[in-house]
């Protein structure tokens, strides 16, 4: 799906949120990434297969 020179992570990869945004809608609270993931401002994700991810394992815990 990604046509960037350096290919973006797939929707199933742990680092999927690092894909390039293709459509941003901050007024609605979401961003569509080139791998098909919808990233919500409340830290949720919607994967292309319809799976909902409610937490982001990739965020660093603050000390």
C-alpha atoms as a PDB file:
ATOM      1  CA  UNK A   1       0.000   0.000   0.000  1.00  0.00           C
ATOM      2  CA  UNK A   2       2.878   2.393   0.770  1.00  0.00           C
ATOM      3  CA  UNK A   3       4.602   3.983  -2.214  1.00  0.00           C
ATOM      4  CA  UNK A   4       7.186   6.016  -0.290  1.00  0.00           C
ATOM      5  CA  UNK A   5      10.882   5.681  -1.131  1.00  0.00           C
ATOM      6  CA  UNK A   6      11.531   4.244   2.306  1.00  0.00           C
ATOM      7  CA  UNK A   7       8.606   1.917   2.880  1.00  0.00           C
ATOM      8  CA  UNK A   8       6.423   2.651   5.907  1.00  0.00           C
ATOM      9  CA  UNK A   9       5.738   0.005   8.581  1.00  0.00           C
ATOM     10  CA  UNK A  10       2.807  -2.281   7.856  1.00  0.00           C
ATOM     11  CA  UNK A  11      -0.460  -2.003   9.773  1.00  0.00           C
ATOM     12  CA  UNK A  12       0.465  -5.123  11.762  1.00  0.00           C
ATOM     13  CA  UNK A  13       3.958  -3.963  12.767  1.00  0.00           C
ATOM     14  CA  UNK A  14       4.638  -2.769  16.306  1.00  0.00           C
ATOM     15  CA  UNK A  15       5.870   0.581  14.930  1.00  0.00           C
ATOM     16  CA  UNK A  16       2.833   1.067  12.631  1.00  0.00           C
ATOM     17  CA  UNK A  17       2.154   4.581  13.974  1.00  0.00           C
ATOM     18  CA  UNK A  18       5.407   5.792  12.407  1.00  0.00           C
ATOM     19  CA  UNK A  19       3.876   5.565   8.918  1.00  0.00           C
ATOM     20  CA  UNK A  20       3.414   8.793   6.946  1.00  0.00           C
ATOM     21  CA  UNK A  21       0.140  10.669   7.575  1.00  0.00           C
ATOM     22  CA  UNK A  22      -1.891  11.015   4.383  1.00  0.00           C
ATOM     23  CA  UNK A  23      -4.925  12.791   5.803  1.00  0.00           C
ATOM     24  CA  UNK A  24      -5.125  14.821   9.016  1.00  0.00           C
ATOM     25  CA  UNK A  25      -8.335  15.936  10.672  1.00  0.00           C
ATOM     26  CA  UNK A  26      -7.371  17.529  14.015  1.00  0.00           C
ATOM     27  CA  UNK A  27     -10.797  19.149  14.308  1.00  0.00           C
ATOM     28  CA  UNK A  28     -12.278  15.620  14.379  1.00  0.00           C
ATOM     29  CA  UNK A  29      -9.412  14.063  16.324  1.00  0.00           C
ATOM     30  CA  UNK A  30      -7.987  11.562  13.855  1.00  0.00           C
ATOM     31  CA  UNK A  31      -5.239  10.989  11.288  1.00  0.00           C
ATOM     32  CA  UNK A  32      -5.105   8.439   8.465  1.00  0.00           C
ATOM     33  CA  UNK A  33      -1.690   6.881   7.917  1.00  0.00           C
ATOM     34  CA  UNK A  34      -0.452   5.501   4.586  1.00  0.00           C
ATOM     35  CA  UNK A  35      -0.600   1.949   5.941  1.00  0.00           C
ATOM     36  CA  UNK A  36      -4.363   2.275   6.459  1.00  0.00           C
ATOM     37  CA  UNK A  37      -4.260   2.799  10.229  1.00  0.00           C
ATOM     38  CA  UNK A  38      -6.542   5.489  11.650  1.00  0.00           C
ATOM     39  CA  UNK A  39      -4.808   7.121  14.598  1.00  0.00           C
ATOM     40  CA  UNK A  40      -7.063   8.875  17.124  1.00  0.00           C
ATOM     41  CA  UNK A  41      -5.991  11.760  19.357  1.00  0.00           C
ATOM     42  CA  UNK A  42      -7.222   9.867  22.444  1.00  0.00           C
ATOM     43  CA  UNK A  43      -4.467   7.272  21.877  1.00  0.00           C
ATOM     44  CA  UNK A  44      -6.671   4.712  20.157  1.00  0.00           C
ATOM     45  CA  UNK A  45      -6.051   3.127  16.774  1.00  0.00           C
ATOM     46  CA  UNK A  46      -8.259   1.488  14.172  1.00  0.00           C
ATOM     47  CA  UNK A  47      -6.466  -1.046  11.984  1.00  0.00           C
ATOM     48  CA  UNK A  48      -7.486  -1.692   8.356  1.00  0.00           C
ATOM     49  CA  UNK A  49      -9.008  -5.070   9.322  1.00  0.00           C
ATOM     50  CA  UNK A  50     -11.345  -3.345  11.815  1.00  0.00           C
ATOM     51  CA  UNK A  51      -9.369  -4.292  14.921  1.00  0.00           C
ATOM     52  CA  UNK A  52      -9.387  -1.627  17.639  1.00  0.00           C
ATOM     53  CA  UNK A  53      -6.227  -0.904  19.628  1.00  0.00           C
ATOM     54  CA  UNK A  54      -6.941   1.075  22.781  1.00  0.00           C
ATOM     55  CA  UNK A  55      -3.421   1.498  24.104  1.00  0.00           C
ATOM     56  CA  UNK A  56      -0.109   2.328  22.539  1.00  0.00           C
ATOM     57  CA  UNK A  57       2.617  -0.073  23.623  1.00  0.00           C
ATOM     58  CA  UNK A  58       5.178   2.022  21.753  1.00  0.00           C
ATOM     59  CA  UNK A  59       4.872   5.027  24.068  1.00  0.00           C
ATOM     60  CA  UNK A  60       7.639   5.384  26.579  1.00  0.00           C
ATOM     61  CA  UNK A  61       6.603   5.274  30.200  1.00  0.00           C
ATOM     62  CA  UNK A  62       7.386   8.478  32.017  1.00  0.00           C
ATOM     63  CA  UNK A  63       9.481   8.163  35.133  1.00  0.00           C
END
